[in-house]
Protein backbone atom coordinates (compact mmCIF):
# COMPACT_ATOMS: atom_id res chain seq x y z
CA MET A 1 52.28 -148.92 131.78
CA LYS A 2 49.68 -146.20 132.26
CA PRO A 3 50.75 -143.02 134.07
CA LEU A 4 50.08 -143.22 137.80
CA ALA A 5 47.43 -140.48 137.62
CA GLU A 6 45.53 -142.53 135.05
CA GLN A 7 45.92 -145.77 137.02
CA LEU A 8 44.40 -144.15 140.10
CA ARG A 9 41.62 -142.24 138.36
CA PRO A 10 38.42 -142.97 140.34
CA GLN A 11 36.04 -145.46 138.72
CA ASN A 12 32.98 -144.35 140.67
CA LEU A 13 31.86 -141.46 142.85
CA ASP A 14 32.62 -143.38 146.05
CA GLN A 15 36.31 -143.37 145.06
CA TYR A 16 36.27 -139.66 144.17
CA LEU A 17 38.15 -137.50 146.68
CA GLY A 18 37.18 -133.92 147.46
CA GLN A 19 34.39 -131.58 146.31
CA GLU A 20 32.06 -132.72 149.08
CA HIS A 21 30.02 -129.54 148.57
CA LEU A 22 29.05 -130.90 145.15
CA ILE A 23 28.90 -134.67 145.47
CA GLY A 24 28.55 -135.16 149.22
CA GLN A 25 25.28 -136.33 150.70
CA ASN A 26 23.70 -132.87 150.41
CA GLY A 27 25.74 -131.68 147.42
CA ALA A 28 24.05 -129.95 144.49
CA LEU A 29 25.25 -132.49 141.93
CA ARG A 30 24.36 -135.41 144.19
CA ARG A 31 20.78 -134.14 144.35
CA SER A 32 20.67 -133.96 140.54
CA LEU A 33 21.91 -137.54 140.31
CA ASP A 34 19.31 -138.68 142.82
CA ILE A 35 16.51 -137.48 140.54
CA GLY A 36 18.32 -138.76 137.44
CA ARG A 37 18.39 -135.39 135.73
CA LEU A 38 21.54 -133.32 135.29
CA PRO A 39 21.37 -129.71 134.01
CA SER A 40 23.99 -128.36 131.63
CA ILE A 41 26.88 -127.27 133.84
CA VAL A 42 30.26 -125.56 133.92
CA LEU A 43 32.90 -127.08 136.20
CA TRP A 44 35.24 -124.23 137.14
CA GLY A 45 38.44 -124.70 139.10
CA PRO A 46 42.25 -124.84 138.92
CA PRO A 47 44.06 -127.71 137.17
CA GLY A 48 44.19 -131.10 138.81
CA VAL A 49 41.08 -130.80 141.00
CA GLY A 50 39.10 -133.51 139.17
CA LYS A 51 36.96 -131.64 136.64
CA THR A 52 37.39 -134.19 133.84
CA THR A 53 37.08 -137.14 136.19
CA LEU A 54 33.90 -135.73 137.72
CA ALA A 55 32.35 -135.18 134.28
CA LEU A 56 33.08 -138.77 133.27
CA LEU A 57 31.69 -140.14 136.53
CA LEU A 58 28.51 -138.08 136.22
CA ALA A 59 27.87 -139.56 132.78
CA LYS A 60 28.63 -143.04 134.11
CA GLU A 61 26.31 -142.57 137.08
CA LEU A 62 23.46 -141.52 134.79
CA GLU A 63 24.27 -144.28 132.28
CA ALA A 64 24.05 -141.63 129.57
CA PRO A 65 25.77 -141.70 126.15
CA LEU A 66 28.95 -139.63 126.42
CA TYR A 67 30.74 -137.56 123.78
CA GLN A 68 34.04 -135.83 124.53
CA LEU A 69 35.75 -132.92 122.81
CA SER A 70 38.77 -130.83 123.71
CA ALA A 71 38.45 -127.14 122.89
CA VAL A 72 42.19 -127.11 122.18
CA SER A 73 41.81 -129.24 119.04
CA ALA A 74 38.09 -129.28 118.12
CA GLY A 75 36.47 -126.86 115.68
CA VAL A 76 32.91 -125.93 114.72
CA LYS A 77 32.80 -128.86 112.28
CA ASP A 78 33.65 -131.32 115.08
CA VAL A 79 31.00 -129.80 117.32
CA ARG A 80 28.30 -130.00 114.64
CA GLU A 81 29.11 -133.62 113.87
CA VAL A 82 28.77 -134.59 117.52
CA LEU A 83 25.56 -132.59 117.92
CA ALA A 84 24.03 -134.22 114.81
CA THR A 85 24.84 -137.67 116.19
CA ALA A 86 23.52 -136.72 119.64
CA GLU A 87 20.29 -135.36 118.16
CA LYS A 88 19.61 -138.63 116.34
CA LYS A 89 20.46 -140.67 119.42
CA SER A 90 18.16 -138.55 121.61
CA LEU A 91 15.22 -139.61 119.41
CA PHE A 92 15.66 -143.29 120.27
CA ASP A 93 17.28 -143.21 123.71
CA SER A 94 15.52 -142.03 126.87
CA LYS A 95 18.90 -141.06 128.31
CA ARG A 96 19.88 -137.58 127.14
CA PRO A 97 23.43 -137.66 125.67
CA ILE A 98 26.16 -135.78 127.54
CA LEU A 99 28.70 -133.68 125.66
CA PHE A 100 31.81 -132.97 127.71
CA ILE A 101 34.07 -130.17 126.43
CA ASP A 102 37.40 -129.79 128.20
CA GLU A 103 38.85 -126.26 128.40
CA ILE A 104 35.64 -124.81 127.00
CA HIS A 105 36.99 -121.29 127.55
CA ARG A 106 39.26 -121.85 124.53
CA PHE A 107 36.25 -121.99 122.20
CA ASN A 108 35.68 -118.72 120.35
CA LYS A 109 32.28 -117.03 120.11
CA GLY A 110 31.30 -118.89 116.94
CA GLN A 111 32.18 -122.26 118.44
CA GLN A 112 30.27 -121.50 121.63
CA ASP A 113 27.27 -120.22 119.68
CA SER A 114 27.14 -123.52 117.77
CA LEU A 115 26.20 -125.21 121.06
CA LEU A 116 23.29 -122.94 121.92
CA HIS A 117 20.53 -124.59 119.88
CA ALA A 118 21.30 -128.13 121.05
CA VAL A 119 21.39 -127.08 124.70
CA GLU A 120 18.20 -125.07 124.34
CA ARG A 121 16.32 -127.90 122.60
CA GLY A 122 17.51 -130.46 125.11
CA TRP A 123 19.33 -132.66 122.62
CA ILE A 124 22.36 -132.77 124.91
CA THR A 125 23.42 -132.08 128.45
CA LEU A 126 26.54 -129.93 128.11
CA ILE A 127 29.35 -130.19 130.65
CA GLY A 128 32.16 -127.69 130.18
CA ALA A 129 35.39 -127.68 132.18
CA THR A 130 37.41 -124.50 132.58
CA THR A 131 40.22 -123.01 134.64
CA GLU A 132 39.11 -119.47 133.73
CA ASN A 133 36.30 -117.33 135.13
CA PRO A 134 33.22 -118.33 133.08
CA SER A 135 31.79 -114.81 133.36
CA PHE A 136 34.66 -113.54 131.23
CA GLU A 137 35.36 -116.50 128.96
CA ILE A 138 31.95 -118.02 128.13
CA ASN A 139 29.31 -116.22 126.07
CA ALA A 140 26.50 -114.78 128.18
CA ALA A 141 23.87 -116.52 126.02
CA LEU A 142 25.43 -119.95 126.61
CA LEU A 143 26.29 -119.28 130.25
CA SER A 144 22.67 -118.31 130.99
CA ARG A 145 21.63 -121.84 130.00
CA MET A 146 24.15 -123.51 132.33
CA GLN A 147 24.79 -123.83 136.05
CA VAL A 148 28.30 -122.95 137.27
CA TYR A 149 29.88 -125.16 139.94
CA VAL A 150 33.21 -124.24 141.54
CA LEU A 151 35.71 -127.00 142.31
CA ASN A 152 38.22 -126.30 145.06
CA SER A 153 41.91 -127.19 145.28
CA HIS A 154 42.46 -130.49 147.07
CA SER A 155 42.93 -130.35 150.83
CA LYS A 156 45.97 -131.77 152.59
CA GLU A 157 43.80 -134.66 153.78
CA ASP A 158 42.75 -135.53 150.22
CA LEU A 159 46.32 -135.38 148.94
CA THR A 160 47.55 -137.53 151.83
CA LYS A 161 45.00 -140.20 150.88
CA MET A 162 46.20 -140.02 147.27
CA ILE A 163 49.81 -140.69 148.29
CA ASP A 164 48.61 -143.64 150.39
CA LEU A 165 46.73 -144.98 147.34
CA ALA A 166 49.92 -144.70 145.31
CA ASN A 167 51.87 -146.55 147.98
CA ALA A 168 49.33 -149.38 147.74
CA THR A 169 49.61 -149.88 143.96
CA ALA A 170 51.01 -153.17 142.65
CA TYR A 171 54.04 -151.37 141.19
CA ALA A 172 54.96 -149.87 144.58
CA THR A 173 54.34 -152.99 146.63
CA GLN A 174 56.17 -155.33 144.24
CA LYS A 175 59.24 -153.08 144.23
CA GLU A 176 58.92 -152.40 147.98
CA LEU A 177 58.67 -148.65 147.38
CA LYS A 178 57.01 -146.34 149.86
CA ILE A 179 56.61 -142.58 149.97
CA THR A 180 57.08 -141.02 153.42
CA ALA A 181 57.69 -137.43 152.23
CA HIS A 182 54.01 -136.58 152.34
CA ASP A 183 54.29 -132.98 153.52
CA PHE A 184 57.02 -132.09 151.04
CA LEU A 185 55.20 -133.53 148.02
CA ILE A 186 51.91 -131.97 149.09
CA ARG A 187 53.57 -128.55 149.28
CA GLN A 188 55.01 -129.04 145.81
CA SER A 189 51.69 -130.12 144.30
CA MET A 190 49.85 -126.96 145.51
CA GLY A 191 46.47 -128.72 145.57
CA ASP A 192 46.87 -130.29 142.11
CA ALA A 193 46.24 -134.06 142.21
CA ARG A 194 47.69 -134.66 138.74
CA LYS A 195 50.88 -132.84 139.66
CA LEU A 196 51.11 -134.79 142.91
CA TYR A 197 50.80 -138.14 141.12
CA ASN A 198 53.44 -137.10 138.58
CA LEU A 199 55.85 -136.20 141.39
CA VAL A 200 55.16 -139.48 143.18
CA GLU A 201 55.69 -141.41 139.96
CA LEU A 202 59.04 -139.69 139.41
CA CYS A 203 60.11 -140.66 142.93
CA PHE A 204 59.01 -144.25 142.35
CA GLN A 205 61.02 -144.43 139.13
CA GLN A 206 64.22 -143.41 140.90
CA GLY A 207 63.56 -145.09 144.24
CA LYS A 208 65.52 -148.09 145.46
CA ARG A 209 63.90 -151.33 146.56
CA GLY A 210 63.14 -151.36 150.26
CA VAL A 211 64.33 -147.77 150.85
CA ALA A 212 61.71 -145.27 152.05
CA ILE A 213 61.35 -142.22 149.85
CA ASP A 214 61.74 -139.48 152.48
CA GLU A 215 61.90 -135.70 152.04
CA GLU A 216 65.66 -135.62 151.47
CA PHE A 217 65.41 -138.22 148.72
CA ALA A 218 62.41 -136.48 147.14
CA GLN A 219 64.24 -133.15 147.14
CA ASN A 220 67.20 -134.70 145.32
CA VAL A 221 64.91 -136.31 142.76
CA LEU A 222 62.92 -133.21 141.99
CA SER A 223 65.16 -130.76 140.20
CA ASN A 224 62.44 -128.10 140.44
CA ALA A 225 61.88 -128.62 144.16
CA GLN A 226 61.47 -124.92 144.85
CA ILE A 227 57.84 -123.86 144.98
CA ARG A 228 57.08 -121.69 141.98
CA TYR A 229 54.18 -119.54 140.93
CA ASP A 230 51.70 -121.69 139.02
CA LYS A 231 49.26 -119.56 137.07
CA GLY A 232 46.80 -122.43 136.94
CA GLY A 233 47.16 -123.80 140.45
CA ASP A 234 46.47 -122.88 144.06
CA GLU A 235 49.46 -120.54 144.26
CA HIS A 236 47.83 -118.47 141.50
CA TYR A 237 44.94 -117.68 143.82
CA ASN A 238 47.21 -117.04 146.80
CA VAL A 239 49.40 -114.54 144.94
CA ILE A 240 46.53 -112.59 143.37
CA SER A 241 44.85 -112.48 146.79
CA ALA A 242 48.02 -111.08 148.38
CA PHE A 243 48.35 -108.58 145.50
CA ILE A 244 44.82 -107.20 145.96
CA LYS A 245 45.10 -107.14 149.75
CA SER A 246 48.38 -105.22 149.52
CA ILE A 247 46.71 -102.59 147.31
CA ARG A 248 43.73 -102.46 149.70
CA GLY A 249 46.16 -102.06 152.59
CA SER A 250 47.90 -99.10 150.88
CA ASP A 251 51.27 -100.89 150.68
CA PRO A 252 52.75 -100.17 147.23
CA GLN A 253 55.98 -101.99 148.09
CA ALA A 254 54.29 -105.34 148.74
CA ALA A 255 51.84 -104.81 145.86
CA ILE A 256 54.71 -104.36 143.38
CA TYR A 257 56.40 -107.47 144.78
CA TYR A 258 53.33 -109.63 144.11
CA LEU A 259 52.91 -108.01 140.70
CA ALA A 260 56.46 -109.12 139.91
CA ARG A 261 55.63 -112.65 141.11
CA MET A 262 52.79 -112.80 138.59
CA ILE A 263 54.85 -111.30 135.78
CA GLU A 264 57.72 -113.72 136.34
CA GLY A 265 55.23 -116.59 136.49
CA GLY A 266 53.84 -115.73 133.05
CA GLU A 267 50.41 -114.63 134.26
CA ASP A 268 47.89 -113.44 131.67
CA VAL A 269 48.27 -109.65 131.39
CA LYS A 270 44.52 -109.21 130.98
CA PHE A 271 43.84 -111.15 134.18
CA ILE A 272 46.04 -108.75 136.17
CA ALA A 273 44.47 -105.70 134.51
CA ARG A 274 40.95 -106.99 135.24
CA ARG A 275 41.82 -107.39 138.91
CA LEU A 276 43.10 -103.80 139.00
CA ILE A 277 39.76 -102.57 137.62
CA ILE A 278 37.88 -104.50 140.31
CA SER A 279 40.22 -103.18 143.01
CA ALA A 280 39.74 -99.60 141.82
CA ALA A 281 35.94 -99.92 142.12
CA GLU A 282 35.77 -102.08 145.25
CA ASP A 283 38.53 -100.64 147.45
CA ILE A 284 39.04 -97.04 146.25
CA GLY A 285 35.73 -96.10 144.71
CA LEU A 286 34.44 -92.62 145.45
CA ALA A 287 37.50 -91.70 147.53
CA ASN A 288 39.31 -91.23 144.19
CA PRO A 289 37.00 -91.71 141.18
CA ASN A 290 39.97 -91.25 138.82
CA ALA A 291 41.31 -94.63 139.98
CA LEU A 292 38.64 -96.55 138.05
CA MET A 293 39.32 -94.48 134.94
CA LEU A 294 43.05 -95.17 135.16
CA ALA A 295 42.51 -98.88 135.77
CA ASN A 296 40.18 -99.10 132.79
CA GLU A 297 42.71 -97.30 130.59
CA THR A 298 45.39 -99.68 131.91
CA PHE A 299 43.39 -102.64 130.62
CA SER A 300 43.10 -101.04 127.17
CA ALA A 301 46.78 -100.08 127.13
CA VAL A 302 48.16 -103.51 128.04
CA GLU A 303 45.92 -105.12 125.40
CA ARG A 304 47.54 -102.90 122.78
CA VAL A 305 51.12 -103.08 124.05
CA GLY A 306 51.60 -106.65 125.32
CA TRP A 307 54.66 -108.03 127.10
CA PRO A 308 57.22 -107.00 128.24
CA GLU A 309 56.36 -103.27 128.19
CA SER A 310 52.97 -103.89 129.81
CA ARG A 311 54.77 -104.48 133.08
CA ILE A 312 55.52 -100.72 133.26
CA ILE A 313 51.86 -99.81 132.74
CA LEU A 314 50.73 -102.35 135.33
CA SER A 315 53.35 -101.06 137.76
CA GLN A 316 52.15 -97.48 137.38
CA CYS A 317 48.53 -98.44 137.93
CA THR A 318 49.38 -100.68 140.90
CA ILE A 319 51.32 -97.92 142.67
CA TYR A 320 48.57 -95.38 141.94
CA LEU A 321 45.87 -97.63 143.38
CA ALA A 322 47.94 -98.63 146.40
CA THR A 323 48.68 -94.98 147.28
CA SER A 324 45.12 -93.74 146.68
CA PRO A 325 42.72 -93.05 149.56
CA LYS A 326 40.47 -96.04 150.17
CA SER A 327 36.72 -96.50 150.35
CA ASN A 328 34.42 -99.47 149.86
CA SER A 329 31.22 -97.45 150.25
CA ALA A 330 30.06 -98.15 146.67
CA TYR A 331 30.75 -101.87 147.15
CA ALA A 332 28.83 -101.88 150.45
CA ALA A 333 25.96 -99.84 148.98
CA ILE A 334 25.17 -102.23 146.12
CA GLY A 335 25.34 -105.16 148.55
CA LYS A 336 22.77 -103.49 150.83
CA ALA A 337 20.60 -102.58 147.84
CA GLN A 338 20.60 -106.15 146.52
CA LYS A 339 19.68 -107.48 149.96
CA LEU A 340 16.79 -105.00 150.16
CA VAL A 341 15.52 -106.07 146.72
CA GLN A 342 15.77 -109.73 147.71
CA GLN A 343 13.75 -109.02 150.86
CA THR A 344 11.08 -106.80 149.26
CA GLY A 345 10.81 -108.12 145.69
CA ASN A 346 9.65 -106.10 142.67
CA LEU A 347 7.92 -103.17 144.31
CA GLU A 348 5.68 -100.90 142.29
CA VAL A 349 7.53 -97.97 140.74
CA PRO A 350 5.85 -94.66 141.78
CA ASP A 351 3.48 -93.41 139.05
CA HIS A 352 5.30 -90.10 138.60
CA LEU A 353 8.52 -92.00 137.73
CA LYS A 354 6.97 -94.40 135.24
CA ASN A 355 7.62 -94.08 131.50
CA ALA A 356 4.92 -91.99 129.82
CA SER A 357 5.85 -92.64 126.20
CA SER A 358 2.33 -93.48 124.96
CA THR A 359 -1.17 -92.06 125.22
CA LEU A 360 -2.35 -95.14 127.13
CA ALA A 361 0.49 -94.76 129.64
CA LYS A 362 -0.40 -91.11 130.19
CA ASP A 363 -4.08 -92.00 130.64
CA LEU A 364 -2.99 -94.46 133.34
CA GLY A 365 -1.21 -91.65 135.14
CA HIS A 366 2.32 -92.55 134.21
CA GLY A 367 4.61 -89.58 134.64
CA LYS A 368 1.92 -87.44 136.24
CA GLY A 369 3.32 -85.14 138.89
CA TYR A 370 6.96 -85.69 137.93
CA LEU A 371 9.08 -82.60 138.62
CA TYR A 372 11.85 -82.05 136.06
CA PRO A 373 14.93 -81.07 138.13
CA HIS A 374 16.42 -78.88 135.39
CA ASP A 375 13.39 -76.60 135.59
CA HIS A 376 14.32 -75.66 139.15
CA PRO A 377 17.16 -73.60 140.67
CA GLY A 378 20.38 -75.53 140.97
CA GLY A 379 18.95 -78.39 138.93
CA PHE A 380 17.34 -79.92 142.02
CA VAL A 381 13.83 -80.25 143.41
CA PRO A 382 12.89 -82.48 146.38
CA GLN A 383 10.58 -85.32 145.37
CA GLU A 384 10.24 -89.02 146.22
CA TYR A 385 12.10 -91.57 144.10
CA PHE A 386 11.74 -94.73 146.22
CA PRO A 387 8.72 -97.09 146.13
CA LYS A 388 6.57 -96.17 149.14
CA GLU A 389 7.35 -99.43 150.99
CA VAL A 390 11.07 -98.63 151.26
CA GLN A 391 11.08 -94.84 151.48
CA GLY A 392 13.90 -93.42 153.55
CA SER A 393 16.19 -96.44 153.08
CA VAL A 394 19.87 -95.56 153.53
CA LEU A 395 21.95 -97.76 151.25
CA TRP A 396 25.02 -95.61 150.60
CA SER A 397 26.93 -94.31 153.61
CA PRO A 398 29.92 -92.03 152.93
CA ALA A 399 33.35 -93.09 154.13
CA SER A 400 35.54 -90.75 156.15
CA ASN A 401 37.75 -89.60 153.24
CA ALA A 402 37.70 -85.97 152.12
CA LYS A 403 36.01 -86.58 148.76
CA GLU A 404 33.06 -88.51 150.17
CA GLN A 405 32.65 -86.15 153.10
CA GLN A 406 32.34 -83.35 150.54
CA ILE A 407 29.71 -85.37 148.64
CA SER A 408 27.92 -86.13 151.91
CA ALA A 409 27.77 -82.46 152.85
CA GLN A 410 26.24 -81.64 149.46
CA GLN A 411 23.64 -84.38 149.88
CA LYS A 412 22.68 -83.22 153.37
CA ALA A 413 22.32 -79.65 152.11
CA ILE A 414 19.75 -80.61 149.49
CA TRP A 415 17.94 -83.50 151.18
CA LYS A 416 17.97 -82.03 154.70
CA ASN A 417 17.05 -84.82 157.17
CA LYS A 418 15.47 -87.22 154.67
CA TYR A 419 18.27 -89.78 154.75
CA GLU A 420 19.52 -89.48 158.31
CA GLY A 421 18.95 -93.23 159.00
């Protein structure tokens, strides 16, 4: 008999539960299906949220030839063989072949590069599934040719419907088995549909005819009933969120606790170190510029050292960040700057700031009137750096910590009232 998760795998998009933001009436993928043209995409989300199922259903909906590879076992040779077949097929079939690669983040640079030409030439539509952040794990060249779609953990409502579907299977009805421990099993699954179905199947296997499988029975069946940290599931995101928020909130005690949760759960050391770098820039920033330097060195150190000693390095960095003064002024400034650029577009750079590296550029006035700060006392001379349309814009505002107030005083001394906005 097929595993329960396989028995209940949706056969069409109408049976697919969740991800309404992608396949709902106004979802991005639904719109692509409506026009019969799917771009190459990355499906990013935790385990058990339906990435593989969605990829298969997209191919089925488009009636496109489908090739599947797993990055765990496939090599460059396997990829090239599939691409050669897909290229030939694309010459005779109006439907562009789809290549689905599960766990694409496990492909190394060479394996990912082998996909570039086929994607660029349109021989295939590539669908990659990953549990890891594509920005870190997929080559920039390949990622630039793909759209990234985020899949969310299943809601309680979705998981409840899945248990009801399991209760309605022939196996359950024939043996008069019925799950009533919905809340307990949903808590244990942590948003992972595959895990939920495996737990339900285990309960069915040990259930007695005509006896409802309630929470007490389910707890006795599941030897690992205690909720544990799952580095690939919803709890992964909850714990890292609590870790970062504890650092932001200047609570080293709680931060170390959540660090220990991740360590005991077998979290990737580089993932933790990356989050510390982000925290140092986003939440501490100019209040203590050394924080970013220490976080960056922490990443390098844990790469060299590995477990278990890396825990000491991570602990030191965590405590340092949690006890540092806090400022998000740099984070807020780049957000304001991006919004201004989005609103105003590519404004003309002032002539005196343009590159004057050629005779033609100089003849056009590039660089004319530029004042070289080092030729003036204190290495500063007042001149305009903004395009004229946005002159006087205030994008960085100092926080109230001592370091930034010192920087602010220096800026006011040299710029006078120019940036008082």
